[in-house]
Amino acid sequence: MQYLERITIDASICHGKPCIRGMRWPVEVILDMLGSGMLIDEILEDHPELEKEDIIASLNYAQ
């Protein structure tokens, strides 16, 4: 699977910041949660609209 296909950029969503699947979930917020020490499973539990592949895509996008 191409993880980066999950990252979308739309000027009408979050001021054009890279987001997860057109939702109002900027990649930077996912990265901030991981950087604060949250585990992938914790993020998914707190935010069921996200999928594990979304988090992996965010990490790949950051490379």
C-alpha atoms as a PDB file:
ATOM      1  CA  MET A   1       0.000   0.000   0.000  1.00  0.00           C
ATOM      2  CA  GLN A   2       1.143   3.511  -0.723  1.00  0.00           C
ATOM      3  CA  TYR A   3       0.893   5.165   2.665  1.00  0.00           C
ATOM      4  CA  LEU A   4       1.399   8.641   1.270  1.00  0.00           C
ATOM      5  CA  GLU A   5      -1.891   8.309  -0.629  1.00  0.00           C
ATOM      6  CA  ARG A   6      -3.512   8.822   2.786  1.00  0.00           C
ATOM      7  CA  ILE A   7      -2.048  12.326   3.040  1.00  0.00           C
ATOM      8  CA  THR A   8      -4.088  15.020   1.311  1.00  0.00           C
ATOM      9  CA  ILE A   9      -3.528  18.714   0.804  1.00  0.00           C
ATOM     10  CA  ASP A  10      -6.575  20.884   0.220  1.00  0.00           C
ATOM     11  CA  ALA A  11      -6.524  24.660   0.580  1.00  0.00           C
ATOM     12  CA  SER A  12     -10.037  24.562   2.073  1.00  0.00           C
ATOM     13  CA  ILE A  13      -9.049  22.147   4.874  1.00  0.00           C
ATOM     14  CA  CYS A  14      -6.741  23.294   7.690  1.00  0.00           C
ATOM     15  CA  HIS A  15      -5.337  26.134   5.575  1.00  0.00           C
ATOM     16  CA  GLY A  16      -3.774  23.700   3.114  1.00  0.00           C
ATOM     17  CA  LYS A  17      -1.710  21.809   5.663  1.00  0.00           C
ATOM     18  CA  PRO A  18      -1.079  18.116   4.914  1.00  0.00           C
ATOM     19  CA  CYS A  19      -3.937  16.160   6.502  1.00  0.00           C
ATOM     20  CA  ILE A  20      -5.088  12.602   6.942  1.00  0.00           C
ATOM     21  CA  ARG A  21      -7.533  11.419   4.246  1.00  0.00           C
ATOM     22  CA  GLY A  22      -9.179  14.809   3.799  1.00  0.00           C
ATOM     23  CA  MET A  23     -10.174  14.975   7.458  1.00  0.00           C
ATOM     24  CA  ARG A  24      -9.236  17.834   9.731  1.00  0.00           C
ATOM     25  CA  TRP A  25      -6.322  15.876  11.142  1.00  0.00           C
ATOM     26  CA  PRO A  26      -3.084  17.645  10.201  1.00  0.00           C
ATOM     27  CA  VAL A  27      -0.035  15.419   9.946  1.00  0.00           C
ATOM     28  CA  GLU A  28       1.755  17.723  12.390  1.00  0.00           C
ATOM     29  CA  VAL A  29      -0.818  16.928  15.102  1.00  0.00           C
ATOM     30  CA  ILE A  30      -0.240  13.184  14.664  1.00  0.00           C
ATOM     31  CA  LEU A  31       3.508  13.746  14.873  1.00  0.00           C
ATOM     32  CA  ASP A  32       3.078  15.926  17.975  1.00  0.00           C
ATOM     33  CA  MET A  33       1.106  13.168  19.704  1.00  0.00           C
ATOM     34  CA  LEU A  34       3.817  10.629  18.895  1.00  0.00           C
ATOM     35  CA  GLY A  35       6.515  13.087  19.960  1.00  0.00           C
ATOM     36  CA  SER A  36       4.805  13.594  23.303  1.00  0.00           C
ATOM     37  CA  GLY A  37       5.201   9.889  23.986  1.00  0.00           C
ATOM     38  CA  MET A  38       1.796   8.555  22.988  1.00  0.00           C
ATOM     39  CA  LEU A  39       1.834   5.062  21.563  1.00  0.00           C
ATOM     40  CA  ILE A  40       0.076   4.262  18.306  1.00  0.00           C
ATOM     41  CA  ASP A  41      -2.478   2.139  20.162  1.00  0.00           C
ATOM     42  CA  GLU A  42      -3.200   4.995  22.568  1.00  0.00           C
ATOM     43  CA  ILE A  43      -3.799   7.416  19.704  1.00  0.00           C
ATOM     44  CA  LEU A  44      -6.120   4.941  17.999  1.00  0.00           C
ATOM     45  CA  GLU A  45      -8.020   4.324  21.217  1.00  0.00           C
ATOM     46  CA  ASP A  46      -8.495   8.052  21.835  1.00  0.00           C
ATOM     47  CA  HIS A  47      -9.329   8.821  18.192  1.00  0.00           C
ATOM     48  CA  PRO A  48     -11.186   5.883  16.587  1.00  0.00           C
ATOM     49  CA  GLU A  49     -11.642   7.788  13.308  1.00  0.00           C
ATOM     50  CA  LEU A  50      -7.914   7.309  12.696  1.00  0.00           C
ATOM     51  CA  GLU A  51      -6.356   4.090  11.444  1.00  0.00           C
ATOM     52  CA  LYS A  52      -2.915   2.638  12.074  1.00  0.00           C
ATOM     53  CA  GLU A  53      -2.053   3.259   8.417  1.00  0.00           C
ATOM     54  CA  ASP A  54      -2.794   6.972   8.919  1.00  0.00           C
ATOM     55  CA  ILE A  55      -0.149   7.188  11.619  1.00  0.00           C
ATOM     56  CA  ILE A  56       2.375   5.268   9.533  1.00  0.00           C
ATOM     57  CA  ALA A  57       1.617   7.572   6.599  1.00  0.00           C
ATOM     58  CA  SER A  58       2.280  10.588   8.826  1.00  0.00           C
ATOM     59  CA  LEU A  59       5.649   9.178   9.836  1.00  0.00           C
ATOM     60  CA  ASN A  60       6.542   8.440   6.222  1.00  0.00           C
ATOM     61  CA  TYR A  61       5.473  11.924   5.176  1.00  0.00           C
ATOM     62  CA  ALA A  62       7.774  13.433   7.800  1.00  0.00           C
ATOM     63  CA  GLN A  63      10.854  11.692   6.385  1.00  0.00           C
END
